[in-house]
C-alpha atoms as a PDB file:
ATOM      1  CA  MET A   1      47.267 -29.457  68.617  1.00  0.00           C
ATOM      2  CA  ASN A   2      47.369 -26.049  69.431  1.00  0.00           C
ATOM      3  CA  SER A   3      48.741 -25.319  65.755  1.00  0.00           C
ATOM      4  CA  ALA A   4      46.044 -27.240  63.702  1.00  0.00           C
ATOM      5  CA  ILE A   5      43.198 -25.061  65.520  1.00  0.00           C
ATOM      6  CA  SER A   6      44.836 -21.583  64.674  1.00  0.00           C
ATOM      7  CA  ALA A   7      45.439 -22.721  61.256  1.00  0.00           C
ATOM      8  CA  ARG A   8      41.458 -23.520  61.345  1.00  0.00           C
ATOM      9  CA  SER A   9      40.477 -20.503  62.772  1.00  0.00           C
ATOM     10  CA  ALA A  10      42.569 -18.878  59.685  1.00  0.00           C
ATOM     11  CA  ALA A  11      40.377 -20.268  57.067  1.00  0.00           C
ATOM     12  CA  PRO A  12      39.737 -18.386  53.909  1.00  0.00           C
ATOM     13  CA  ASP A  13      36.058 -18.645  54.984  1.00  0.00           C
ATOM     14  CA  ASP A  14      36.675 -17.262  58.330  1.00  0.00           C
ATOM     15  CA  VAL A  15      37.851 -13.853  56.783  1.00  0.00           C
ATOM     16  CA  PRO A  16      35.672 -11.009  56.469  1.00  0.00           C
ATOM     17  CA  GLY A  17      36.973  -9.897  53.118  1.00  0.00           C
ATOM     18  CA  ALA A  18      36.652 -13.470  51.478  1.00  0.00           C
ATOM     19  CA  ARG A  19      33.330 -13.250  52.675  1.00  0.00           C
ATOM     20  CA  ALA A  20      32.557 -10.386  51.037  1.00  0.00           C
ATOM     21  CA  ALA A  21      33.975 -11.362  48.321  1.00  0.00           C
ATOM     22  CA  THR A  22      31.955 -14.752  47.382  1.00  0.00           C
ATOM     23  CA  ALA A  23      28.600 -12.370  48.358  1.00  0.00           C
ATOM     24  CA  ALA A  24      29.731 -10.513  45.586  1.00  0.00           C
ATOM     25  CA  GLN A  25      30.531 -13.326  43.202  1.00  0.00           C
ATOM     26  CA  SER A  26      26.874 -14.616  43.877  1.00  0.00           C
ATOM     27  CA  ARG A  27      25.679 -11.266  42.706  1.00  0.00           C
ATOM     28  CA  THR A  28      27.481 -11.142  39.983  1.00  0.00           C
ATOM     29  CA  ARG A  29      26.449 -14.487  38.358  1.00  0.00           C
ATOM     30  CA  LEU A  30      22.739 -13.420  39.796  1.00  0.00           C
ATOM     31  CA  ARG A  31      22.989 -10.368  37.434  1.00  0.00           C
ATOM     32  CA  ARG A  32      24.430 -12.473  34.623  1.00  0.00           C
ATOM     33  CA  ARG A  33      21.309 -14.599  34.946  1.00  0.00           C
ATOM     34  CA  SER A  34      18.998 -12.012  34.470  1.00  0.00           C
ATOM     35  CA  ALA A  35      20.074 -10.322  32.370  1.00  0.00           C
ATOM     36  CA  ALA A  36      20.378 -13.889  30.147  1.00  0.00           C
ATOM     37  CA  VAL A  37      16.798 -14.743  30.855  1.00  0.00           C
ATOM     38  CA  ALA A  38      15.663 -10.991  30.161  1.00  0.00           C
ATOM     39  CA  GLY A  39      17.569 -11.075  26.841  1.00  0.00           C
ATOM     40  CA  LEU A  40      15.955 -13.980  25.702  1.00  0.00           C
ATOM     41  CA  VAL A  41      12.631 -13.237  26.879  1.00  0.00           C
ATOM     42  CA  ALA A  42      13.069  -9.221  24.986  1.00  0.00           C
ATOM     43  CA  ALA A  43      14.290 -11.392  22.114  1.00  0.00           C
ATOM     44  CA  LEU A  44      11.156 -13.701  21.694  1.00  0.00           C
ATOM     45  CA  CYS A  45       8.893 -11.464  22.455  1.00  0.00           C
ATOM     46  CA  ALA A  46      10.316  -9.419  19.688  1.00  0.00           C
ATOM     47  CA  LEU A  47      10.180 -12.386  17.284  1.00  0.00           C
ATOM     48  CA  VAL A  48       6.504 -13.119  18.078  1.00  0.00           C
ATOM     49  CA  PHE A  49       5.281  -9.689  18.131  1.00  0.00           C
ATOM     50  CA  PRO A  50       4.666  -9.282  13.947  1.00  0.00           C
ATOM     51  CA  PHE A  51       2.429 -12.006  14.021  1.00  0.00           C
ATOM     52  CA  LEU A  52       0.170 -11.512  16.958  1.00  0.00           C
ATOM     53  CA  PRO A  53      -3.512 -10.062  15.787  1.00  0.00           C
ATOM     54  CA  VAL A  54      -4.393  -6.786  15.734  1.00  0.00           C
ATOM     55  CA  ALA A  55      -7.821  -5.352  15.331  1.00  0.00           C
ATOM     56  CA  GLN A  56      -8.811  -4.003  11.470  1.00  0.00           C
ATOM     57  CA  ASP A  57     -10.792  -0.921  11.064  1.00  0.00           C
ATOM     58  CA  THR A  58     -13.193  -1.490   7.974  1.00  0.00           C
ATOM     59  CA  ALA A  59     -14.563   1.830   6.032  1.00  0.00           C
ATOM     60  CA  HIS A  60     -17.433   1.832   3.562  1.00  0.00           C
ATOM     61  CA  ILE A  61     -18.286   4.607   1.312  1.00  0.00           C
ATOM     62  CA  THR A  62     -22.158   5.201   0.069  1.00  0.00           C
ATOM     63  CA  TRP A  63     -23.240   7.840  -2.295  1.00  0.00           C
ATOM     64  CA  PRO A  64     -25.422   9.473  -2.491  1.00  0.00           C
ATOM     65  CA  THR A  65     -26.269  10.470   1.079  1.00  0.00           C
ATOM     66  CA  GLY A  66     -29.554  11.865   1.901  1.00  0.00           C
ATOM     67  CA  GLY A  67     -30.419  12.506  -1.774  1.00  0.00           C
ATOM     68  CA  ASP A  68     -27.151  14.897  -2.207  1.00  0.00           C
ATOM     69  CA  THR A  69     -25.563  13.757  -5.427  1.00  0.00           C
ATOM     70  CA  THR A  70     -22.907  16.076  -5.267  1.00  0.00           C
ATOM     71  CA  ALA A  71     -19.472  14.791  -6.231  1.00  0.00           C
ATOM     72  CA  VAL A  72     -17.390  13.144  -3.649  1.00  0.00           C
ATOM     73  CA  ASN A  73     -13.402  13.153  -3.436  1.00  0.00           C
ATOM     74  CA  ALA A  74     -12.027  10.358  -1.582  1.00  0.00           C
ATOM     75  CA  PRO A  75      -8.263  10.452  -2.873  1.00  0.00           C
ATOM     76  CA  LEU A  76      -6.696   8.736   0.266  1.00  0.00           C
ATOM     77  CA  VAL A  77      -8.687   5.336  -0.895  1.00  0.00           C
ATOM     78  CA  GLY A  78      -5.292   2.967  -1.384  1.00  0.00           C
ATOM     79  CA  TYR A  79      -5.389   2.348  -5.052  1.00  0.00           C
ATOM     80  CA  ARG A  80      -7.981   0.290  -6.211  1.00  0.00           C
ATOM     81  CA  ALA A  81     -10.919  -0.643  -3.584  1.00  0.00           C
ATOM     82  CA  LEU A  82     -11.701  -4.019  -2.245  1.00  0.00           C
ATOM     83  CA  ALA A  83     -15.221  -3.947  -4.023  1.00  0.00           C
ATOM     84  CA  THR A  84     -17.544  -1.370  -5.554  1.00  0.00           C
ATOM     85  CA  ARG A  85     -20.851  -1.753  -6.973  1.00  0.00           C
ATOM     86  CA  ALA A  86     -23.356   0.443  -8.700  1.00  0.00           C
ATOM     87  CA  GLU A  87     -26.997   0.860  -9.618  1.00  0.00           C
ATOM     88  CA  VAL A  88     -28.263   3.746 -11.670  1.00  0.00           C
ATOM     89  CA  PRO A  89     -32.022   2.970 -12.149  1.00  0.00           C
ATOM     90  CA  CYS A  90     -33.499   3.634 -15.878  1.00  0.00           C
ATOM     91  CA  ALA A  91     -35.861   6.693 -14.700  1.00  0.00           C
ATOM     92  CA  THR A  92     -32.721   8.854 -13.250  1.00  0.00           C
ATOM     93  CA  VAL A  93     -30.759   7.319 -16.707  1.00  0.00           C
ATOM     94  CA  ARG A  94     -33.464   8.427 -18.752  1.00  0.00           C
ATOM     95  CA  SER A  95     -34.245  11.847 -16.866  1.00  0.00           C
ATOM     96  CA  LEU A  96     -30.780  12.950 -17.181  1.00  0.00           C
ATOM     97  CA  ASP A  97     -30.183  11.961 -21.057  1.00  0.00           C
ATOM     98  CA  SER A  98     -33.517  13.758 -21.847  1.00  0.00           C
ATOM     99  CA  ARG A  99     -32.328  16.997 -20.282  1.00  0.00           C
ATOM    100  CA  THR A 100     -28.918  16.884 -21.267  1.00  0.00           C
ATOM    101  CA  ASP A 101     -27.494  18.307 -24.800  1.00  0.00           C
ATOM    102  CA  GLY A 102     -24.493  15.854 -25.962  1.00  0.00           C
ATOM    103  CA  SER A 103     -23.060  13.524 -23.618  1.00  0.00           C
ATOM    104  CA  ALA A 104     -24.270  13.106 -20.138  1.00  0.00           C
ATOM    105  CA  LEU A 105     -21.768  11.676 -16.906  1.00  0.00           C
ATOM    106  CA  LEU A 106     -23.881   8.278 -15.378  1.00  0.00           C
ATOM    107  CA  LEU A 107     -21.238   7.578 -12.762  1.00  0.00           C
ATOM    108  CA  ALA A 108     -17.689   8.180 -12.796  1.00  0.00           C
ATOM    109  CA  THR A 109     -14.662   7.431 -10.320  1.00  0.00           C
ATOM    110  CA  VAL A 110     -12.075   9.552 -11.720  1.00  0.00           C
ATOM    111  CA  PRO A 111     -13.003  13.832 -12.282  1.00  0.00           C
ATOM    112  CA  SER A 112     -13.581  14.808 -15.934  1.00  0.00           C
ATOM    113  CA  ALA A 113      -9.964  16.432 -15.816  1.00  0.00           C
ATOM    114  CA  ARG A 114      -8.371  13.018 -15.499  1.00  0.00           C
ATOM    115  CA  ALA A 115     -10.927  10.996 -17.777  1.00  0.00           C
ATOM    116  CA  ASP A 116      -8.017  10.247 -20.274  1.00  0.00           C
ATOM    117  CA  SER A 117      -5.780   8.752 -17.438  1.00  0.00           C
ATOM    118  CA  GLY A 118      -7.064   5.067 -17.873  1.00  0.00           C
ATOM    119  CA  VAL A 119      -7.363   4.159 -14.649  1.00  0.00           C
ATOM    120  CA  GLY A 120     -10.875   4.685 -13.634  1.00  0.00           C
ATOM    121  CA  LEU A 121     -14.548   3.792 -14.535  1.00  0.00           C
ATOM    122  CA  ARG A 122     -16.889   6.487 -16.767  1.00  0.00           C
ATOM    123  CA  LEU A 123     -20.245   5.518 -17.553  1.00  0.00           C
ATOM    124  CA  SER A 124     -21.974   8.077 -19.857  1.00  0.00           C
ATOM    125  CA  VAL A 125     -25.457   8.114 -22.159  1.00  0.00           C
ATOM    126  CA  ARG A 126     -26.341  10.127 -25.204  1.00  0.00           C
ATOM    127  CA  ASP A 127     -29.024  10.126 -27.171  1.00  0.00           C
ATOM    128  CA  GLY A 128     -30.493   6.942 -25.720  1.00  0.00           C
ATOM    129  CA  GLU A 129     -26.733   4.999 -26.051  1.00  0.00           C
ATOM    130  CA  LEU A 130     -25.054   3.886 -23.304  1.00  0.00           C
ATOM    131  CA  VAL A 131     -21.080   4.073 -23.300  1.00  0.00           C
ATOM    132  CA  ALA A 132     -18.796   2.424 -20.819  1.00  0.00           C
ATOM    133  CA  SER A 133     -15.061   3.074 -20.325  1.00  0.00           C
ATOM    134  CA  LEU A 134     -12.826   0.962 -17.804  1.00  0.00           C
ATOM    135  CA  ARG A 135      -8.974   1.796 -17.258  1.00  0.00           C
ATOM    136  CA  GLY A 136      -9.046   3.601 -20.407  1.00  0.00           C
ATOM    137  CA  GLU A 137     -10.892   1.013 -22.382  1.00  0.00           C
ATOM    138  CA  GLN A 138     -14.169   1.043 -24.019  1.00  0.00           C
ATOM    139  CA  VAL A 139     -15.626  -1.815 -22.794  1.00  0.00           C
ATOM    140  CA  ALA A 140     -19.345  -1.196 -23.898  1.00  0.00           C
ATOM    141  CA  ARG A 141     -21.498   0.605 -26.251  1.00  0.00           C
ATOM    142  CA  ARG A 142     -25.151  -0.285 -26.138  1.00  0.00           C
ATOM    143  CA  ALA A 143     -28.866   1.111 -27.259  1.00  0.00           C
ATOM    144  CA  LEU A 144     -30.502   1.451 -23.737  1.00  0.00           C
ATOM    145  CA  PRO A 145     -34.409  -0.396 -24.309  1.00  0.00           C
ATOM    146  CA  GLN A 146     -37.205   1.493 -23.647  1.00  0.00           C
ATOM    147  CA  GLN A 147     -37.958  -0.530 -20.428  1.00  0.00           C
ATOM    148  CA  GLY A 148     -35.455  -2.055 -18.130  1.00  0.00           C
ATOM    149  CA  CYS A 149     -32.904   0.142 -18.914  1.00  0.00           C
ATOM    150  CA  GLY A 150     -31.440   0.572 -15.460  1.00  0.00           C
ATOM    151  CA  VAL A 151     -27.469   0.101 -15.188  1.00  0.00           C
ATOM    152  CA  GLY A 152     -25.587  -1.857 -12.954  1.00  0.00           C
ATOM    153  CA  PHE A 153     -21.452  -2.336 -12.229  1.00  0.00           C
ATOM    154  CA  HIS A 154     -20.220  -4.560 -10.108  1.00  0.00           C
ATOM    155  CA  SER A 155     -16.140  -5.006  -9.517  1.00  0.00           C
ATOM    156  CA  ASP A 156     -14.070  -6.850  -7.475  1.00  0.00           C
ATOM    157  CA  ALA A 157     -10.943  -9.070  -7.448  1.00  0.00           C
ATOM    158  CA  GLY A 158     -12.749 -11.939  -8.713  1.00  0.00           C
ATOM    159  CA  ASN A 159     -14.905 -10.494 -11.423  1.00  0.00           C
ATOM    160  CA  THR A 160     -16.306  -7.051 -13.076  1.00  0.00           C
ATOM    161  CA  THR A 161     -19.675  -6.962 -14.626  1.00  0.00           C
ATOM    162  CA  LEU A 162     -21.469  -4.361 -16.111  1.00  0.00           C
ATOM    163  CA  THR A 163     -25.439  -4.741 -16.601  1.00  0.00           C
ATOM    164  CA  VAL A 164     -28.198  -3.111 -18.716  1.00  0.00           C
ATOM    165  CA  GLY A 165     -31.629  -4.201 -17.301  1.00  0.00           C
ATOM    166  CA  ASP A 166     -31.201  -7.790 -16.946  1.00  0.00           C
ATOM    167  CA  THR A 167     -28.341  -8.110 -19.880  1.00  0.00           C
ATOM    168  CA  THR A 168     -24.891  -8.586 -19.172  1.00  0.00           C
ATOM    169  CA  VAL A 169     -23.124  -6.302 -21.750  1.00  0.00           C
ATOM    170  CA  TYR A 170     -19.676  -6.793 -20.132  1.00  0.00           C
ATOM    171  CA  ARG A 171     -18.052  -9.542 -18.004  1.00  0.00           C
ATOM    172  CA  THR A 172     -14.230 -10.591 -17.409  1.00  0.00           C
ATOM    173  CA  ASP A 173     -12.729 -13.045 -14.213  1.00  0.00           C
ATOM    174  CA  ASP A 174      -9.543 -10.658 -14.488  1.00  0.00           C
ATOM    175  CA  ASP A 175      -8.816  -8.224 -11.623  1.00  0.00           C
ATOM    176  CA  VAL A 176      -9.582  -5.153 -13.458  1.00  0.00           C
ATOM    177  CA  ARG A 177     -11.045  -2.879 -10.632  1.00  0.00           C
ATOM    178  CA  PRO A 178     -11.063   0.635 -11.054  1.00  0.00           C
ATOM    179  CA  ARG A 179      -9.047   3.300  -9.414  1.00  0.00           C
ATOM    180  CA  ILE A 180     -11.234   5.094  -6.738  1.00  0.00           C
ATOM    181  CA  ILE A 181     -10.507   8.810  -6.450  1.00  0.00           C
ATOM    182  CA  GLY A 182     -14.294   9.953  -5.984  1.00  0.00           C
ATOM    183  CA  VAL A 183     -17.653   9.612  -7.273  1.00  0.00           C
ATOM    184  CA  TYR A 184     -18.763  12.075  -9.821  1.00  0.00           C
ATOM    185  CA  SER A 185     -21.876  12.236 -11.902  1.00  0.00           C
ATOM    186  CA  ASP A 186     -23.641  15.003 -13.631  1.00  0.00           C
ATOM    187  CA  ILE A 187     -27.130  13.526 -11.750  1.00  0.00           C
ATOM    188  CA  ASP A 188     -28.858  16.277  -9.783  1.00  0.00           C
ATOM    189  CA  GLY A 189     -30.857  15.015  -6.807  1.00  0.00           C
ATOM    190  CA  ASP A 190     -33.037  18.337  -7.415  1.00  0.00           C
ATOM    191  CA  ARG A 191     -34.044  17.414 -11.110  1.00  0.00           C
ATOM    192  CA  ASP A 192     -33.490  13.817 -11.389  1.00  0.00           C
ATOM    193  CA  PRO A 193     -35.316  10.591 -10.005  1.00  0.00           C
ATOM    194  CA  ALA A 194     -32.305   9.577  -7.609  1.00  0.00           C
ATOM    195  CA  THR A 195     -34.922   6.933  -5.889  1.00  0.00           C
ATOM    196  CA  GLY A 196     -32.470   3.550  -6.262  1.00  0.00           C
ATOM    197  CA  LEU A 197     -29.517   5.262  -7.282  1.00  0.00           C
ATOM    198  CA  ALA A 198     -26.779   3.830  -5.076  1.00  0.00           C
ATOM    199  CA  VAL A 199     -23.048   3.306  -5.332  1.00  0.00           C
ATOM    200  CA  SER A 200     -21.200   1.403  -2.498  1.00  0.00           C
ATOM    201  CA  ILE A 201     -17.653   1.623  -1.849  1.00  0.00           C
ATOM    202  CA  THR A 202     -15.253  -0.995   0.321  1.00  0.00           C
ATOM    203  CA  PRO A 203     -11.713   0.752   0.589  1.00  0.00           C
ATOM    204  CA  ASP A 204      -8.970  -1.649   1.372  1.00  0.00           C
ATOM    205  CA  THR A 205      -8.542  -0.846   4.942  1.00  0.00           C
ATOM    206  CA  ARG A 206      -5.769  -3.571   5.874  1.00  0.00           C
ATOM    207  CA  TYR A 207      -3.615  -0.976   7.201  1.00  0.00           C
ATOM    208  CA  GLN A 208      -5.823   0.932   9.216  1.00  0.00           C
ATOM    209  CA  SER A 209      -5.592  -1.293  12.223  1.00  0.00           C
ATOM    210  CA  SER A 210      -4.499  -0.885  15.984  1.00  0.00           C
ATOM    211  CA  PRO A 211      -3.422  -3.374  18.330  1.00  0.00           C
ATOM    212  CA  THR A 212      -5.393  -6.269  20.274  1.00  0.00           C
ATOM    213  CA  THR A 213      -4.757  -6.171  24.025  1.00  0.00           C
ATOM    214  CA  VAL A 214      -2.517  -9.321  23.887  1.00  0.00           C
ATOM    215  CA  LYS A 215      -0.087  -7.794  21.505  1.00  0.00           C
ATOM    216  CA  THR A 216       0.041  -4.468  23.429  1.00  0.00           C
ATOM    217  CA  GLY A 217       0.849  -6.358  26.648  1.00  0.00           C
ATOM    218  CA  ILE A 218       3.601  -8.548  24.528  1.00  0.00           C
ATOM    219  CA  ALA A 219       5.081  -4.983  23.828  1.00  0.00           C
ATOM    220  CA  VAL A 220       5.059  -3.958  27.562  1.00  0.00           C
ATOM    221  CA  LEU A 221       6.769  -7.038  28.279  1.00  0.00           C
ATOM    222  CA  GLY A 222       9.247  -6.712  25.646  1.00  0.00           C
ATOM    223  CA  ALA A 223      10.045  -3.575  26.872  1.00  0.00           C
ATOM    224  CA  LEU A 224      10.163  -4.057  30.547  1.00  0.00           C
ATOM    225  CA  ALA A 225      12.452  -7.496  29.684  1.00  0.00           C
ATOM    226  CA  ALA A 226      14.734  -5.364  27.553  1.00  0.00           C
ATOM    227  CA  PHE A 227      15.181  -2.742  30.178  1.00  0.00           C
ATOM    228  CA  VAL A 228      15.859  -5.473  32.737  1.00  0.00           C
ATOM    229  CA  CYS A 229      18.489  -6.870  30.729  1.00  0.00           C
ATOM    230  CA  LEU A 230      20.675  -3.672  29.854  1.00  0.00           C
ATOM    231  CA  PHE A 231      20.141  -2.504  33.388  1.00  0.00           C
ATOM    232  CA  SER A 232      21.287  -6.199  34.529  1.00  0.00           C
ATOM    233  CA  VAL A 233      24.597  -5.955  32.117  1.00  0.00           C
ATOM    234  CA  ARG A 234      25.137  -2.343  33.310  1.00  0.00           C
ATOM    235  CA  ARG A 235      25.342  -3.675  37.045  1.00  0.00           C
ATOM    236  CA  ALA A 236      27.627  -6.464  36.003  1.00  0.00           C
ATOM    237  CA  ASP A 237      30.122  -4.598  34.617  1.00  0.00           C
ATOM    238  CA  ALA A 238      30.412  -2.049  37.043  1.00  0.00           C
ATOM    239  CA  VAL A 239      31.749  -4.752  39.259  1.00  0.00           C
ATOM    240  CA  PHE A 240      34.879  -5.566  36.820  1.00  0.00           C
ATOM    241  CA  GLY A 241      35.321  -1.666  36.246  1.00  0.00           C
ATOM    242  CA  ARG A 242      34.191  -1.766  32.741  1.00  0.00           C
ATOM    243  CA  ARG A 243      33.115   1.580  31.410  1.00  0.00           C
ATOM    244  CA  ALA A 244      33.682   3.621  28.220  1.00  0.00           C
ATOM    245  CA  PRO A 245      37.053   4.378  26.955  1.00  0.00           C
ATOM    246  CA  ARG A 246      38.142   7.808  27.450  1.00  0.00           C
ATOM    247  CA  ARG A 247      39.282  10.316  24.639  1.00  0.00           C
ATOM    248  CA  THR A 248      43.273   9.638  24.599  1.00  0.00           C
ATOM    249  CA  THR A 249      43.895  12.577  22.284  1.00  0.00           C
ATOM    250  CA  GLY A 250      44.821  16.061  23.467  1.00  0.00           C
ATOM    251  CA  GLY A 251      44.907  19.532  21.796  1.00  0.00           C
ATOM    252  CA  ARG A 252      41.855  21.367  20.150  1.00  0.00           C
ATOM    253  CA  TRP A 253      39.733  19.306  17.771  1.00  0.00           C
ATOM    254  CA  ARG A 254      40.256  19.924  14.285  1.00  0.00           C
ATOM    255  CA  PRO A 255      37.946  19.189  11.594  1.00  0.00           C
ATOM    256  CA  THR A 256      39.540  16.601   8.740  1.00  0.00           C
ATOM    257  CA  GLY A 257      37.895  15.840   5.093  1.00  0.00           C
ATOM    258  CA  ARG A 258      35.693  13.177   6.603  1.00  0.00           C
ATOM    259  CA  ASP A 259      33.965  15.704   8.711  1.00  0.00           C
ATOM    260  CA  LEU A 260      33.517  18.548   5.990  1.00  0.00           C
ATOM    261  CA  THR A 261      32.197  15.860   3.695  1.00  0.00           C
ATOM    262  CA  VAL A 262      29.101  15.059   6.525  1.00  0.00           C
ATOM    263  CA  VAL A 263      28.755  18.424   7.108  1.00  0.00           C
ATOM    264  CA  GLY A 264      28.677  19.415   2.780  1.00  0.00           C
ATOM    265  CA  VAL A 265      26.264  16.588   2.240  1.00  0.00           C
ATOM    266  CA  LEU A 266      23.672  17.675   4.800  1.00  0.00           C
ATOM    267  CA  GLY A 267      23.765  20.840   3.941  1.00  0.00           C
ATOM    268  CA  ALA A 268      23.426  19.885  -0.059  1.00  0.00           C
ATOM    269  CA  TRP A 269      20.421  17.704   1.370  1.00  0.00           C
ATOM    270  CA  VAL A 270      18.667  20.654   2.356  1.00  0.00           C
ATOM    271  CA  PHE A 271      18.018  21.724  -1.545  1.00  0.00           C
ATOM    272  CA  ILE A 272      17.456  17.876  -3.154  1.00  0.00           C
ATOM    273  CA  GLY A 273      15.598  16.578  -0.002  1.00  0.00           C
ATOM    274  CA  PRO A 274      12.439  18.114  -1.018  1.00  0.00           C
ATOM    275  CA  VAL A 275      12.316  16.868  -4.355  1.00  0.00           C
ATOM    276  CA  THR A 276      12.975  13.168  -3.229  1.00  0.00           C
ATOM    277  CA  SER A 277      10.505  10.450  -3.091  1.00  0.00           C
ATOM    278  CA  ASP A 278      10.304  10.293   0.851  1.00  0.00           C
ATOM    279  CA  ASP A 279      11.430  13.925   2.414  1.00  0.00           C
ATOM    280  CA  GLY A 280       9.726  15.190  -0.312  1.00  0.00           C
ATOM    281  CA  TYR A 281       6.013  13.557  -0.207  1.00  0.00           C
ATOM    282  CA  ILE A 282       3.738  16.024   0.480  1.00  0.00           C
ATOM    283  CA  LEU A 283       5.522  19.209  -1.051  1.00  0.00           C
ATOM    284  CA  THR A 284       5.082  17.297  -4.546  1.00  0.00           C
ATOM    285  CA  MET A 285       1.539  16.224  -3.595  1.00  0.00           C
ATOM    286  CA  ALA A 286       0.755  19.956  -3.148  1.00  0.00           C
ATOM    287  CA  ARG A 287       3.032  21.093  -6.377  1.00  0.00           C
ATOM    288  CA  VAL A 288       0.839  18.555  -8.759  1.00  0.00           C
ATOM    289  CA  ALA A 289      -2.622  19.059  -6.910  1.00  0.00           C
ATOM    290  CA  GLU A 290      -3.563  22.132  -9.110  1.00  0.00           C
ATOM    291  CA  ASP A 291      -3.036  20.515 -12.203  1.00  0.00           C
ATOM    292  CA  ALA A 292      -4.015  16.932 -11.466  1.00  0.00           C
ATOM    293  CA  GLY A 293      -7.223  18.379 -10.818  1.00  0.00           C
ATOM    294  CA  TYR A 294      -7.000  16.666  -6.903  1.00  0.00           C
ATOM    295  CA  LEU A 295      -4.517  15.649  -4.282  1.00  0.00           C
ATOM    296  CA  THR A 296      -2.533  12.543  -6.018  1.00  0.00           C
ATOM    297  CA  ASN A 297      -1.206  11.036  -3.102  1.00  0.00           C
ATOM    298  CA  TYR A 298      -0.339   7.789  -3.601  1.00  0.00           C
ATOM    299  CA  HIS A 299      -0.195   8.799  -7.787  1.00  0.00           C
ATOM    300  CA  ARG A 300       2.265  11.551  -7.337  1.00  0.00           C
ATOM    301  CA  TRP A 301       4.499  11.037  -9.881  1.00  0.00           C
ATOM    302  CA  TYR A 302       1.654  10.037 -12.297  1.00  0.00           C
ATOM    303  CA  GLY A 303       0.434  13.344 -11.640  1.00  0.00           C
ATOM    304  CA  TRP A 304       3.957  14.764 -11.982  1.00  0.00           C
ATOM    305  CA  ARG A 305       4.373  13.261 -15.359  1.00  0.00           C
ATOM    306  CA  LYS A 306       0.684  14.406 -16.198  1.00  0.00           C
ATOM    307  CA  ARG A 307       1.707  17.751 -15.465  1.00  0.00           C
ATOM    308  CA  ARG A 308       5.194  17.691 -17.510  1.00  0.00           C
ATOM    309  CA  SER A 309       3.008  16.491 -20.817  1.00  0.00           C
ATOM    310  CA  ALA A 310       0.593  19.570 -20.136  1.00  0.00           C
ATOM    311  CA  GLY A 311       3.175  21.943 -20.079  1.00  0.00           C
ATOM    312  CA  SER A 312       4.743  20.689 -23.016  1.00  0.00           C
ATOM    313  CA  THR A 313       1.125  20.651 -24.848  1.00  0.00           C
ATOM    314  CA  THR A 314       0.992  24.005 -23.946  1.00  0.00           C
ATOM    315  CA  SER A 315       4.396  25.165 -25.137  1.00  0.00           C
ATOM    316  CA  THR A 316       3.624  23.397 -28.674  1.00  0.00           C
ATOM    317  CA  ASN A 317       0.377  24.877 -28.614  1.00  0.00           C
END
């Protein structure tokens, strides 16, 4: 009887070391579960984050403003606008035509230096005749009537229409929206009647957005879950004595061929980088701005080709 009692009193559950080991195992299991749950939450947040709604900014360009018909540059309007609408009253057309010798520019979406670029809209009048060019192609040439000679233009992804008075002189259902670099015209608000003159441009601002409250909350939750996951994994690894391996090589470090290759490539990139499409983005824009006549931005490579073409033409002449 005494021996049985002694055996029960010496059971492993009654040993302090065994109790501590059991508690440590419980903590380890809890940390593993915490790491697993937090990791799943972080992964789920990362998966749904791109699909959550955002608040999109909208922009609207109008010209002229307060009767000021000074040219407006808008080089940062991405490629083609969502919609472009212009109205030039008959009185404005007649006034500009009568006081101008030769061709007068009613409206253009590219500067005169880029008139032959084939990307924008150009409306001009000469001796009572309207000439319209769209993306480098003449689409209309029409004598203006004595009455109702106002010029209207509308273009979006669905159709493009040019009217003179109530007559449609050009229409297409293809997407031929002009490139928008700005609004340029020879119309002078001090000498030409500008009542009714209006240009309206709706840029494509799909990428100008900010996260909503829900999206911000999911981002914060995902970051916190990732932190909890990494912290729990580290604590669990500390119990098992895991750590980063130490250096096993002795002596001084000596560079190898791979090290010299990396250093050489990085050194060469100091000179190669500024002429690439990514690292030299701003630099190339600045280089071609003088020859292109405007800050090319998205069209920098077209501007670069334009610059090279101009240079070769000059040398030939």
